[in-house]
Amino acid sequence: MAAKKKAVTSKATASKKTVSKKKTVKKAAPKKAVAKKKAAPKKAAAKKTTAKKAAPKKATSKKTGSQIGPVPGIAPYQEKKGEEYMSDKQTAHFRDILLAWKRGLMEEVDRTVHHMQDDAANFPDPNDRATQESEFSMELRARDRERKLIKKIDESIRNLDNNDFGFCEACGVEIGVKRLEARPTATLCIDCKVIDEIREKQMG
């Protein structure tokens, strides 16, 4: 009888062990499935972030290649080897830039004048009148800067007519085509411009 009881108890313990193993196996299986499901969205998210980061690089490269000087639509001048500085082609190129730049500034001044004439109104509210006057004063300051710039453009066109365009007023050295592309009204070379700015800082 004692041997039978031992056999029964050993079978019971063995069955409990198998049941516990089955339970542990069943519990362990969902963990693997959950881990796989969680890993999948991370890869998709990484792909989305890389795609978003790569997009602005193309936009910036297009912007930098579209315009160098102050006038859009005019391609920069391509110098040839052995080409004479300020040749007829170069002077014609910079003349086109200066005239187009002046034309655009003049149109902007005309637009501002018409805008101020059309939108000028005597508002009963003093706050509205104050905001309108501040807007008009800002526009007038901007147009005043553009009028001064137009004078510089006219001086540069006169220098083109006198064959003085593209040479430094201080030392007589060539200013350079690339510098003139960025600033067609430049009258000083880079070295003289730096010295002039240092002198202004010391005086100011």
N, C-alpha and C. Protein backbone atom coordinates (compact mmCIF):
# COMPACT_ATOMS: atom_id res chain seq x y z
N MET A 1 0.82 -1.22 0.00
CA MET A 1 0.00 0.00 0.00
C MET A 1 0.85 1.26 0.00
N ALA A 2 1.94 1.18 0.75
CA ALA A 2 2.84 2.35 0.79
C ALA A 2 3.47 2.59 -0.56
N ALA A 3 3.83 1.49 -1.27
CA ALA A 3 4.44 1.62 -2.60
C ALA A 3 3.45 2.21 -3.58
N LYS A 4 2.17 1.83 -3.47
CA LYS A 4 1.16 2.36 -4.38
C LYS A 4 0.96 3.85 -4.14
N LYS A 5 0.97 4.27 -2.84
CA LYS A 5 0.80 5.68 -2.53
C LYS A 5 1.94 6.50 -3.08
N LYS A 6 3.16 5.95 -2.96
CA LYS A 6 4.32 6.66 -3.51
C LYS A 6 4.22 6.81 -5.03
N ALA A 7 3.77 5.76 -5.71
CA ALA A 7 3.63 5.82 -7.17
C ALA A 7 2.59 6.84 -7.57
N VAL A 8 1.50 6.90 -6.80
CA VAL A 8 0.44 7.86 -7.11
C VAL A 8 0.93 9.27 -6.90
N THR A 9 1.65 9.48 -5.79
CA THR A 9 2.16 10.84 -5.51
C THR A 9 3.19 11.26 -6.54
N SER A 10 4.05 10.30 -6.98
CA SER A 10 5.06 10.63 -8.00
C SER A 10 4.40 10.97 -9.32
N LYS A 11 3.31 10.25 -9.67
CA LYS A 11 2.58 10.57 -10.91
C LYS A 11 1.93 11.94 -10.80
N ALA A 12 1.39 12.25 -9.64
CA ALA A 12 0.73 13.54 -9.45
C ALA A 12 1.72 14.68 -9.57
N THR A 13 2.88 14.49 -8.95
CA THR A 13 3.91 15.54 -9.05
C THR A 13 4.41 15.68 -10.47
N ALA A 14 4.55 14.56 -11.18
CA ALA A 14 4.99 14.61 -12.59
C ALA A 14 3.97 15.34 -13.45
N SER A 15 2.68 15.06 -13.21
CA SER A 15 1.64 15.73 -14.00
C SER A 15 1.61 17.21 -13.71
N LYS A 16 1.85 17.60 -12.41
CA LYS A 16 1.90 19.02 -12.07
C LYS A 16 3.05 19.71 -12.78
N LYS A 17 4.20 19.01 -12.85
CA LYS A 17 5.36 19.59 -13.53
C LYS A 17 5.08 19.80 -15.01
N THR A 18 4.43 18.83 -15.64
CA THR A 18 4.11 18.97 -17.07
C THR A 18 3.12 20.10 -17.29
N VAL A 19 2.15 20.21 -16.36
CA VAL A 19 1.18 21.30 -16.49
C VAL A 19 1.86 22.64 -16.33
N SER A 20 2.76 22.72 -15.33
CA SER A 20 3.47 23.99 -15.13
C SER A 20 4.35 24.31 -16.32
N LYS A 21 4.98 23.31 -16.92
CA LYS A 21 5.79 23.54 -18.11
C LYS A 21 4.94 24.04 -19.26
N LYS A 22 3.76 23.42 -19.43
CA LYS A 22 2.86 23.86 -20.51
C LYS A 22 2.43 25.30 -20.29
N LYS A 23 2.16 25.62 -18.98
CA LYS A 23 1.74 26.98 -18.70
C LYS A 23 2.85 27.98 -18.98
N THR A 24 4.05 27.60 -18.58
CA THR A 24 5.19 28.51 -18.84
C THR A 24 5.45 28.65 -20.33
N VAL A 25 5.28 27.58 -21.07
CA VAL A 25 5.46 27.65 -22.52
C VAL A 25 4.41 28.54 -23.14
N LYS A 26 3.18 28.40 -22.68
CA LYS A 26 2.10 29.22 -23.22
C LYS A 26 2.30 30.69 -22.87
N LYS A 27 2.81 30.94 -21.66
CA LYS A 27 3.03 32.33 -21.25
C LYS A 27 4.22 32.94 -21.99
N ALA A 28 5.23 32.13 -22.24
CA ALA A 28 6.44 32.66 -22.91
C ALA A 28 6.19 32.97 -24.38
N ALA A 29 5.27 32.24 -25.00
CA ALA A 29 5.03 32.44 -26.43
C ALA A 29 4.50 33.82 -26.76
N PRO A 30 3.54 34.38 -26.00
CA PRO A 30 3.05 35.71 -26.36
C PRO A 30 4.10 36.80 -26.24
N LYS A 31 5.09 36.61 -25.32
CA LYS A 31 6.13 37.62 -25.17
C LYS A 31 6.94 37.80 -26.43
N LYS A 32 7.27 36.70 -27.10
CA LYS A 32 8.01 36.78 -28.36
C LYS A 32 7.19 37.49 -29.42
N ALA A 33 5.92 37.17 -29.49
CA ALA A 33 5.06 37.80 -30.49
C ALA A 33 4.94 39.30 -30.22
N VAL A 34 4.86 39.69 -28.95
CA VAL A 34 4.75 41.11 -28.61
C VAL A 34 6.05 41.84 -28.96
N ALA A 35 7.17 41.15 -28.71
CA ALA A 35 8.45 41.78 -29.03
C ALA A 35 8.60 42.02 -30.52
N LYS A 36 8.14 41.09 -31.33
CA LYS A 36 8.19 41.27 -32.78
C LYS A 36 7.30 42.40 -33.24
N LYS A 37 6.12 42.51 -32.64
CA LYS A 37 5.18 43.56 -33.03
C LYS A 37 5.72 44.94 -32.65
N LYS A 38 6.39 45.05 -31.51
CA LYS A 38 6.94 46.33 -31.08
C LYS A 38 8.13 46.76 -31.92
N ALA A 39 8.91 45.80 -32.39
CA ALA A 39 10.11 46.14 -33.18
C ALA A 39 9.75 46.66 -34.56
N ALA A 40 8.63 46.22 -35.12
CA ALA A 40 8.26 46.64 -36.48
C ALA A 40 8.00 48.12 -36.61
N PRO A 41 7.24 48.79 -35.70
CA PRO A 41 6.98 50.22 -35.89
C PRO A 41 8.23 51.07 -35.77
N LYS A 42 9.24 50.62 -34.99
CA LYS A 42 10.47 51.39 -34.85
C LYS A 42 11.19 51.53 -36.17
N LYS A 43 11.24 50.46 -36.96
CA LYS A 43 11.88 50.52 -38.27
C LYS A 43 11.14 51.47 -39.20
N ALA A 44 9.82 51.41 -39.17
CA ALA A 44 9.03 52.30 -40.02
C ALA A 44 9.22 53.75 -39.62
N ALA A 45 9.29 53.99 -38.30
CA ALA A 45 9.49 55.37 -37.83
C ALA A 45 10.85 55.89 -38.25
N ALA A 46 11.86 55.01 -38.21
CA ALA A 46 13.20 55.43 -38.62
C ALA A 46 13.24 55.80 -40.08
N LYS A 47 12.53 55.06 -40.91
CA LYS A 47 12.47 55.38 -42.34
C LYS A 47 11.80 56.72 -42.58
N LYS A 48 10.73 57.00 -41.82
CA LYS A 48 10.03 58.27 -41.99
C LYS A 48 10.89 59.45 -41.60
N THR A 49 11.65 59.30 -40.50
CA THR A 49 12.50 60.40 -40.04
C THR A 49 13.63 60.66 -41.01
N THR A 50 14.21 59.60 -41.58
CA THR A 50 15.28 59.81 -42.55
C THR A 50 14.77 60.46 -43.81
N ALA A 51 13.55 60.12 -44.21
CA ALA A 51 12.98 60.75 -45.41
C ALA A 51 12.71 62.22 -45.16
N LYS A 52 12.24 62.57 -43.97
CA LYS A 52 11.97 63.98 -43.67
C LYS A 52 13.25 64.78 -43.59
N LYS A 53 14.32 64.21 -43.04
CA LYS A 53 15.59 64.92 -42.92
C LYS A 53 16.25 65.12 -44.28
N ALA A 54 16.08 64.19 -45.19
CA ALA A 54 16.75 64.29 -46.48
C ALA A 54 16.11 65.32 -47.39
N ALA A 55 14.82 65.65 -47.19
CA ALA A 55 14.11 66.57 -48.08
C ALA A 55 14.66 67.98 -48.06
N PRO A 56 14.95 68.62 -46.89
CA PRO A 56 15.41 70.00 -46.92
C PRO A 56 16.73 70.21 -47.61
N LYS A 57 17.61 69.19 -47.66
CA LYS A 57 18.91 69.35 -48.31
C LYS A 57 18.76 69.66 -49.79
N LYS A 58 17.83 69.00 -50.44
CA LYS A 58 17.60 69.27 -51.86
C LYS A 58 17.06 70.67 -52.07
N ALA A 59 16.18 71.13 -51.17
CA ALA A 59 15.61 72.47 -51.31
C ALA A 59 16.67 73.54 -51.14
N THR A 60 17.60 73.34 -50.18
CA THR A 60 18.63 74.35 -49.96
C THR A 60 19.60 74.39 -51.13
N SER A 61 19.92 73.24 -51.71
CA SER A 61 20.83 73.24 -52.84
C SER A 61 20.22 73.94 -54.05
N LYS A 62 18.88 73.80 -54.22
CA LYS A 62 18.22 74.51 -55.32
C LYS A 62 18.23 76.01 -55.09
N LYS A 63 18.03 76.42 -53.85
CA LYS A 63 17.99 77.85 -53.56
C LYS A 63 19.35 78.49 -53.78
N THR A 64 20.42 77.83 -53.33
CA THR A 64 21.74 78.42 -53.48
C THR A 64 22.15 78.50 -54.94
N GLY A 65 21.68 77.56 -55.76
CA GLY A 65 22.07 77.59 -57.15
C GLY A 65 21.22 78.50 -58.02
N SER A 66 20.10 79.00 -57.51
CA SER A 66 19.18 79.77 -58.34
C SER A 66 19.61 81.22 -58.51
N GLN A 67 20.17 81.83 -57.47
CA GLN A 67 20.46 83.25 -57.51
C GLN A 67 21.73 83.54 -56.74
N ILE A 68 22.63 84.32 -57.34
CA ILE A 68 23.86 84.73 -56.68
C ILE A 68 23.84 86.23 -56.44
N GLY A 69 23.53 87.01 -57.47
CA GLY A 69 23.53 88.46 -57.36
C GLY A 69 22.19 89.00 -56.90
N PRO A 70 22.02 90.33 -56.95
CA PRO A 70 20.78 90.95 -56.48
C PRO A 70 19.62 90.82 -57.45
N VAL A 71 19.88 90.45 -58.70
CA VAL A 71 18.83 90.39 -59.72
C VAL A 71 18.55 88.93 -60.06
N PRO A 72 17.32 88.43 -59.83
CA PRO A 72 17.00 87.06 -60.22
C PRO A 72 16.81 86.95 -61.72
N GLY A 73 17.11 85.77 -62.24
CA GLY A 73 16.89 85.51 -63.67
C GLY A 73 18.10 85.75 -64.55
N ILE A 74 19.15 86.40 -64.03
CA ILE A 74 20.37 86.63 -64.81
C ILE A 74 21.43 85.67 -64.31
N ALA A 75 21.88 84.79 -65.18
CA ALA A 75 22.87 83.79 -64.79
C ALA A 75 24.22 84.45 -64.56
N PRO A 76 25.01 83.93 -63.61
CA PRO A 76 26.34 84.51 -63.38
C PRO A 76 27.26 84.35 -64.58
N TYR A 77 28.17 85.29 -64.72
CA TYR A 77 29.07 85.30 -65.87
C TYR A 77 30.11 84.19 -65.72
N GLN A 78 30.32 83.46 -66.79
CA GLN A 78 31.32 82.38 -66.81
C GLN A 78 32.59 82.89 -67.49
N GLU A 79 33.63 83.08 -66.68
CA GLU A 79 34.89 83.58 -67.22
C GLU A 79 35.60 82.48 -68.02
N LYS A 80 36.28 82.88 -69.07
CA LYS A 80 37.07 81.96 -69.87
C LYS A 80 38.56 82.19 -69.60
N LYS A 81 39.34 81.16 -69.83
CA LYS A 81 40.78 81.27 -69.59
C LYS A 81 41.40 82.28 -70.56
N GLY A 82 42.22 83.16 -70.02
CA GLY A 82 42.87 84.17 -70.85
C GLY A 82 41.99 85.31 -71.28
N GLU A 83 40.75 85.37 -70.75
CA GLU A 83 39.84 86.45 -71.12
C GLU A 83 40.27 87.76 -70.46
N GLU A 84 40.18 88.82 -71.20
CA GLU A 84 40.56 90.14 -70.67
C GLU A 84 39.53 90.60 -69.64
N TYR A 85 40.06 91.18 -68.55
CA TYR A 85 39.18 91.68 -67.49
C TYR A 85 38.41 92.89 -67.98
N MET A 86 37.13 92.92 -67.70
CA MET A 86 36.21 93.96 -68.13
C MET A 86 36.21 94.10 -69.66
N SER A 87 36.07 92.95 -70.29
CA SER A 87 35.91 92.93 -71.75
C SER A 87 34.52 93.42 -72.12
N ASP A 88 34.25 93.46 -73.41
CA ASP A 88 32.94 93.95 -73.87
C ASP A 88 31.80 93.07 -73.36
N LYS A 89 32.03 91.74 -73.32
CA LYS A 89 30.99 90.84 -72.83
C LYS A 89 30.74 91.04 -71.34
N GLN A 90 31.81 91.24 -70.58
CA GLN A 90 31.65 91.44 -69.14
C GLN A 90 30.95 92.76 -68.83
N THR A 91 31.35 93.81 -69.52
CA THR A 91 30.70 95.11 -69.29
C THR A 91 29.21 95.07 -69.69
N ALA A 92 28.90 94.38 -70.78
CA ALA A 92 27.50 94.24 -71.19
C ALA A 92 26.71 93.43 -70.16
N HIS A 93 27.34 92.40 -69.60
CA HIS A 93 26.68 91.58 -68.57
C HIS A 93 26.35 92.41 -67.34
N PHE A 94 27.31 93.17 -66.85
CA PHE A 94 27.08 93.97 -65.64
C PHE A 94 26.16 95.15 -65.92
N ARG A 95 26.16 95.66 -67.15
CA ARG A 95 25.21 96.71 -67.49
C ARG A 95 23.77 96.18 -67.42
N ASP A 96 23.56 94.96 -67.92
CA ASP A 96 22.24 94.35 -67.83
C ASP A 96 21.80 94.17 -66.38
N ILE A 97 22.75 93.75 -65.52
CA ILE A 97 22.42 93.55 -64.11
C ILE A 97 22.03 94.88 -63.47
N LEU A 98 22.83 95.91 -63.70
CA LEU A 98 22.57 97.21 -63.08
C LEU A 98 21.25 97.81 -63.55
N LEU A 99 20.97 97.73 -64.86
CA LEU A 99 19.73 98.29 -65.38
C LEU A 99 18.50 97.52 -64.86
N ALA A 100 18.60 96.19 -64.80
CA ALA A 100 17.49 95.38 -64.29
C ALA A 100 17.27 95.65 -62.80
N TRP A 101 18.35 95.80 -62.06
CA TRP A 101 18.26 96.09 -60.63
C TRP A 101 17.60 97.45 -60.40
N LYS A 102 18.02 98.46 -61.16
CA LYS A 102 17.43 99.79 -61.04
C LYS A 102 15.96 99.76 -61.40
N ARG A 103 15.60 99.04 -62.46
CA ARG A 103 14.21 98.96 -62.89
C ARG A 103 13.33 98.35 -61.79
N GLY A 104 13.83 97.29 -61.15
CA GLY A 104 13.07 96.67 -60.08
C GLY A 104 12.88 97.58 -58.88
N LEU A 105 13.92 98.34 -58.54
CA LEU A 105 13.81 99.27 -57.41
C LEU A 105 12.83 100.40 -57.71
N MET A 106 12.87 100.89 -58.94
CA MET A 106 11.96 101.97 -59.32
C MET A 106 10.50 101.49 -59.28
N GLU A 107 10.27 100.27 -59.72
CA GLU A 107 8.91 99.72 -59.66
C GLU A 107 8.44 99.57 -58.22
N GLU A 108 9.37 99.19 -57.34
CA GLU A 108 9.01 99.05 -55.93
C GLU A 108 8.66 100.41 -55.32
N VAL A 109 9.39 101.44 -55.69
CA VAL A 109 9.09 102.78 -55.18
C VAL A 109 7.72 103.24 -55.66
N ASP A 110 7.42 102.99 -56.93
CA ASP A 110 6.11 103.37 -57.46
C ASP A 110 4.98 102.62 -56.76
N ARG A 111 5.20 101.35 -56.49
CA ARG A 111 4.17 100.57 -55.80
C ARG A 111 3.92 101.12 -54.40
N THR A 112 4.98 101.53 -53.73
CA THR A 112 4.81 102.08 -52.39
C THR A 112 4.02 103.38 -52.40
N VAL A 113 4.31 104.23 -53.38
CA VAL A 113 3.59 105.51 -53.48
C VAL A 113 2.11 105.28 -53.73
N HIS A 114 1.79 104.39 -54.66
CA HIS A 114 0.39 104.10 -54.95
C HIS A 114 -0.30 103.44 -53.76
N HIS A 115 0.45 102.57 -53.07
CA HIS A 115 -0.13 101.90 -51.90
C HIS A 115 -0.47 102.91 -50.81
N MET A 116 0.40 103.86 -50.59
CA MET A 116 0.15 104.87 -49.56
C MET A 116 -1.01 105.79 -49.96
N GLN A 117 -1.12 106.10 -51.25
CA GLN A 117 -2.22 106.94 -51.70
C GLN A 117 -3.56 106.24 -51.60
N ASP A 118 -3.58 104.95 -51.93
CA ASP A 118 -4.84 104.20 -51.93
C ASP A 118 -5.30 103.86 -50.51
N ASP A 119 -4.34 103.48 -49.64
CA ASP A 119 -4.71 103.01 -48.30
C ASP A 119 -4.76 104.13 -47.27
N ALA A 120 -4.37 105.33 -47.66
CA ALA A 120 -4.40 106.43 -46.68
C ALA A 120 -5.84 106.74 -46.30
N ALA A 121 -6.09 106.72 -45.01
CA ALA A 121 -7.45 106.99 -44.52
C ALA A 121 -7.36 107.64 -43.15
N ASN A 122 -8.34 108.47 -42.86
CA ASN A 122 -8.40 109.16 -41.57
C ASN A 122 -9.23 108.31 -40.61
N PHE A 123 -8.55 107.41 -39.89
CA PHE A 123 -9.26 106.52 -38.97
C PHE A 123 -9.71 107.30 -37.73
N PRO A 124 -10.94 107.06 -37.28
CA PRO A 124 -11.40 107.75 -36.06
C PRO A 124 -10.67 107.27 -34.81
N ASP A 125 -10.27 106.00 -34.83
CA ASP A 125 -9.58 105.45 -33.66
C ASP A 125 -8.12 105.89 -33.68
N PRO A 126 -7.62 106.50 -32.61
CA PRO A 126 -6.21 106.93 -32.60
C PRO A 126 -5.22 105.78 -32.69
N ASN A 127 -5.59 104.60 -32.18
CA ASN A 127 -4.70 103.44 -32.27
C ASN A 127 -4.52 103.01 -33.72
N ASP A 128 -5.61 103.02 -34.49
CA ASP A 128 -5.54 102.66 -35.91
C ASP A 128 -4.69 103.67 -36.68
N ARG A 129 -4.85 104.95 -36.34
CA ARG A 129 -4.05 105.97 -37.01
C ARG A 129 -2.57 105.80 -36.69
N ALA A 130 -2.28 105.43 -35.45
CA ALA A 130 -0.88 105.24 -35.04
C ALA A 130 -0.24 104.06 -35.77
N THR A 131 -0.97 102.96 -35.90
CA THR A 131 -0.43 101.79 -36.62
C THR A 131 -0.21 102.10 -38.10
N GLN A 132 -1.15 102.86 -38.70
CA GLN A 132 -0.98 103.22 -40.11
C GLN A 132 0.24 104.12 -40.30
N GLU A 133 0.41 105.08 -39.41
CA GLU A 133 1.56 105.98 -39.53
C GLU A 133 2.88 105.25 -39.34
N SER A 134 2.91 104.28 -38.42
CA SER A 134 4.14 103.50 -38.22
C SER A 134 4.46 102.65 -39.44
N GLU A 135 3.43 102.06 -40.06
CA GLU A 135 3.64 101.27 -41.27
C GLU A 135 4.16 102.14 -42.42
N PHE A 136 3.55 103.31 -42.57
CA PHE A 136 3.98 104.22 -43.64
C PHE A 136 5.42 104.70 -43.41
N SER A 137 5.77 104.98 -42.15
CA SER A 137 7.13 105.45 -41.87
C SER A 137 8.16 104.36 -42.15
N MET A 138 7.82 103.11 -41.84
CA MET A 138 8.73 101.99 -42.15
C MET A 138 8.91 101.85 -43.65
N GLU A 139 7.82 101.97 -44.40
CA GLU A 139 7.91 101.86 -45.86
C GLU A 139 8.72 103.01 -46.45
N LEU A 140 8.55 104.21 -45.91
CA LEU A 140 9.30 105.35 -46.40
C LEU A 140 10.79 105.21 -46.11
N ARG A 141 11.13 104.66 -44.95
CA ARG A 141 12.55 104.44 -44.65
C ARG A 141 13.16 103.42 -45.60
N ALA A 142 12.39 102.37 -45.89
CA ALA A 142 12.88 101.36 -46.84
C ALA A 142 13.04 101.96 -48.23
N ARG A 143 12.10 102.77 -48.66
CA ARG A 143 12.20 103.40 -49.98
C ARG A 143 13.35 104.42 -50.02
N ASP A 144 13.64 105.07 -48.90
CA ASP A 144 14.76 106.02 -48.85
C ASP A 144 16.09 105.28 -49.04
N ARG A 145 16.20 104.12 -48.43
CA ARG A 145 17.41 103.30 -48.64
C ARG A 145 17.53 102.88 -50.10
N GLU A 146 16.39 102.54 -50.70
CA GLU A 146 16.42 102.12 -52.11
C GLU A 146 16.76 103.29 -53.03
N ARG A 147 16.33 104.51 -52.69
CA ARG A 147 16.69 105.68 -53.50
C ARG A 147 18.21 105.93 -53.45
N LYS A 148 18.79 105.74 -52.27
CA LYS A 148 20.25 105.88 -52.16
C LYS A 148 20.96 104.80 -52.97
N LEU A 149 20.38 103.61 -52.97
CA LEU A 149 20.96 102.53 -53.75
C LEU A 149 20.85 102.81 -55.25
N ILE A 150 19.77 103.43 -55.67
CA ILE A 150 19.61 103.80 -57.09
C ILE A 150 20.69 104.79 -57.51
N LYS A 151 21.03 105.72 -56.61
CA LYS A 151 22.12 106.65 -56.91
C LYS A 151 23.44 105.92 -57.11
N LYS A 152 23.71 104.92 -56.28
CA LYS A 152 24.93 104.13 -56.45
C LYS A 152 24.92 103.37 -57.77
N ILE A 153 23.74 102.88 -58.15
CA ILE A 153 23.64 102.16 -59.43
C ILE A 153 23.92 103.11 -60.59
N ASP A 154 23.39 104.33 -60.51
CA ASP A 154 23.67 105.32 -61.56
C ASP A 154 25.16 105.64 -61.64
N GLU A 155 25.83 105.73 -60.49
CA GLU A 155 27.28 105.96 -60.49
C GLU A 155 28.02 104.79 -61.14
N SER A 156 27.58 103.59 -60.87
CA SER A 156 28.22 102.41 -61.48
C SER A 156 28.02 102.40 -62.99
N ILE A 157 26.84 102.81 -63.45
CA ILE A 157 26.59 102.87 -64.90
C ILE A 157 27.48 103.93 -65.54
N ARG A 158 27.68 105.06 -64.85
CA ARG A 158 28.60 106.08 -65.37
C ARG A 158 30.03 105.56 -65.42
N ASN A 159 30.42 104.77 -64.42
CA ASN A 159 31.76 104.18 -64.44
C ASN A 159 31.92 103.19 -65.60
N LEU A 160 30.84 102.49 -65.91
CA LEU A 160 30.88 101.61 -67.09
C LEU A 160 31.10 102.41 -68.36
N ASP A 161 30.42 103.54 -68.48
CA ASP A 161 30.59 104.39 -69.67
C ASP A 161 32.00 104.96 -69.76
N ASN A 162 32.63 105.23 -68.60
CA ASN A 162 33.97 105.81 -68.58
C ASN A 162 35.09 104.77 -68.49
N ASN A 163 34.72 103.48 -68.58
CA ASN A 163 35.69 102.38 -68.49
C ASN A 163 36.41 102.35 -67.13
N ASP A 164 35.73 102.80 -66.07
CA ASP A 164 36.29 102.76 -64.72
C ASP A 164 35.62 101.70 -63.85
N PHE A 165 34.66 101.01 -64.40
CA PHE A 165 33.91 100.03 -63.61
C PHE A 165 34.77 98.78 -63.37
N GLY A 166 34.70 98.25 -62.14
CA GLY A 166 35.39 97.01 -61.80
C GLY A 166 36.77 97.19 -61.23
N PHE A 167 37.19 98.43 -61.00
CA PHE A 167 38.51 98.71 -60.45
C PHE A 167 38.37 99.46 -59.13
N CYS A 168 39.24 99.13 -58.18
CA CYS A 168 39.17 99.72 -56.84
C CYS A 168 39.50 101.21 -56.90
N GLU A 169 38.66 102.00 -56.24
CA GLU A 169 38.88 103.45 -56.21
C GLU A 169 40.09 103.83 -55.35
N ALA A 170 40.44 102.98 -54.38
CA ALA A 170 41.54 103.30 -53.46
C ALA A 170 42.91 102.91 -54.01
N CYS A 171 43.02 101.69 -54.52
CA CYS A 171 44.34 101.20 -54.96
C CYS A 171 44.41 100.89 -56.45
N GLY A 172 43.28 100.88 -57.15
CA GLY A 172 43.28 100.64 -58.58
C GLY A 172 43.34 99.18 -58.99
N VAL A 173 43.28 98.26 -58.02
CA VAL A 173 43.35 96.83 -58.32
C VAL A 173 41.99 96.35 -58.83
N GLU A 174 42.00 95.26 -59.59
CA GLU A 174 40.75 94.67 -60.08
C GLU A 174 39.90 94.18 -58.90
N ILE A 175 38.65 94.56 -58.89
CA ILE A 175 37.73 94.12 -57.83
C ILE A 175 37.40 92.64 -57.98
N GLY A 176 37.25 92.18 -59.19
CA GLY A 176 36.97 90.77 -59.44
C GLY A 176 35.53 90.53 -59.86
N VAL A 177 35.37 89.60 -60.78
CA VAL A 177 34.03 89.32 -61.34
C VAL A 177 33.11 88.73 -60.28
N LYS A 178 33.63 87.82 -59.45
CA LYS A 178 32.78 87.16 -58.45
C LYS A 178 32.26 88.17 -57.42
N ARG A 179 33.13 89.09 -57.00
CA ARG A 179 32.68 90.11 -56.04
C ARG A 179 31.65 91.04 -56.67
N LEU A 180 31.84 91.37 -57.93
CA LEU A 180 30.89 92.24 -58.63
C LEU A 180 29.56 91.54 -58.88
N GLU A 181 29.60 90.22 -59.05
CA GLU A 181 28.34 89.48 -59.19
C GLU A 181 27.51 89.59 -57.92
N ALA A 182 28.17 89.50 -56.76
CA ALA A 182 27.45 89.59 -55.50
C ALA A 182 27.05 91.02 -55.17
N ARG A 183 27.90 91.98 -55.52
CA ARG A 183 27.64 93.39 -55.22
C ARG A 183 28.08 94.23 -56.41
N PRO A 184 27.19 94.44 -57.40
CA PRO A 184 27.59 95.15 -58.62
C PRO A 184 28.00 96.60 -58.39
N THR A 185 27.57 97.21 -57.27
CA THR A 185 27.92 98.60 -57.00
C THR A 185 29.20 98.73 -56.18
N ALA A 186 29.94 97.65 -56.01
CA ALA A 186 31.18 97.69 -55.21
C ALA A 186 32.21 98.58 -55.89
N THR A 187 32.84 99.45 -55.09
CA THR A 187 33.87 100.36 -55.61
C THR A 187 35.23 100.10 -54.98
N LEU A 188 35.30 99.17 -54.03
CA LEU A 188 36.55 98.83 -53.36
C LEU A 188 36.81 97.34 -53.46
N CYS A 189 38.09 96.98 -53.55
CA CYS A 189 38.45 95.57 -53.51
C CYS A 189 38.26 95.03 -52.09
N ILE A 190 38.43 93.75 -51.91
CA ILE A 190 38.16 93.14 -50.60
C ILE A 190 39.10 93.70 -49.54
N ASP A 191 40.40 93.80 -49.87
CA ASP A 191 41.38 94.28 -48.89
C ASP A 191 41.08 95.71 -48.46
N CYS A 192 40.84 96.59 -49.42
CA CYS A 192 40.54 97.99 -49.08
C CYS A 192 39.21 98.11 -48.34
N LYS A 193 38.25 97.25 -48.65
CA LYS A 193 36.97 97.27 -47.95
C LYS A 193 37.14 96.89 -46.48
N VAL A 194 37.98 95.88 -46.23
CA VAL A 194 38.23 95.47 -44.84
C VAL A 194 38.91 96.59 -44.07
N ILE A 195 39.91 97.24 -44.69
CA ILE A 195 40.60 98.35 -44.04
C ILE A 195 39.63 99.49 -43.76
N ASP A 196 38.74 99.76 -44.71
CA ASP A 196 37.76 100.83 -44.54
C ASP A 196 36.80 100.54 -43.39
N GLU A 197 36.37 99.27 -43.26
CA GLU A 197 35.47 98.91 -42.17
C GLU A 197 36.17 99.00 -40.82
N ILE A 198 37.44 98.61 -40.76
CA ILE A 198 38.20 98.73 -39.50
C ILE A 198 38.34 100.19 -39.10
N ARG A 199 38.59 101.05 -40.09
CA ARG A 199 38.73 102.49 -39.82
C ARG A 199 37.40 103.07 -39.30
N GLU A 200 36.29 102.62 -39.88
CA GLU A 200 34.98 103.11 -39.43
C GLU A 200 34.69 102.69 -37.99
N LYS A 201 35.07 101.45 -37.64
CA LYS A 201 34.85 100.97 -36.28
C LYS A 201 35.70 101.77 -35.28
N GLN A 202 36.93 102.07 -35.66
CA GLN A 202 37.80 102.83 -34.76
C GLN A 202 37.29 104.25 -34.59
N MET A 203 36.79 104.85 -35.67
CA MET A 203 36.27 106.23 -35.59
C MET A 203 34.94 106.26 -34.84
N GLY A 204 34.15 105.19 -35.01
CA GLY A 204 32.85 105.18 -34.35
C GLY A 204 32.93 104.76 -32.91
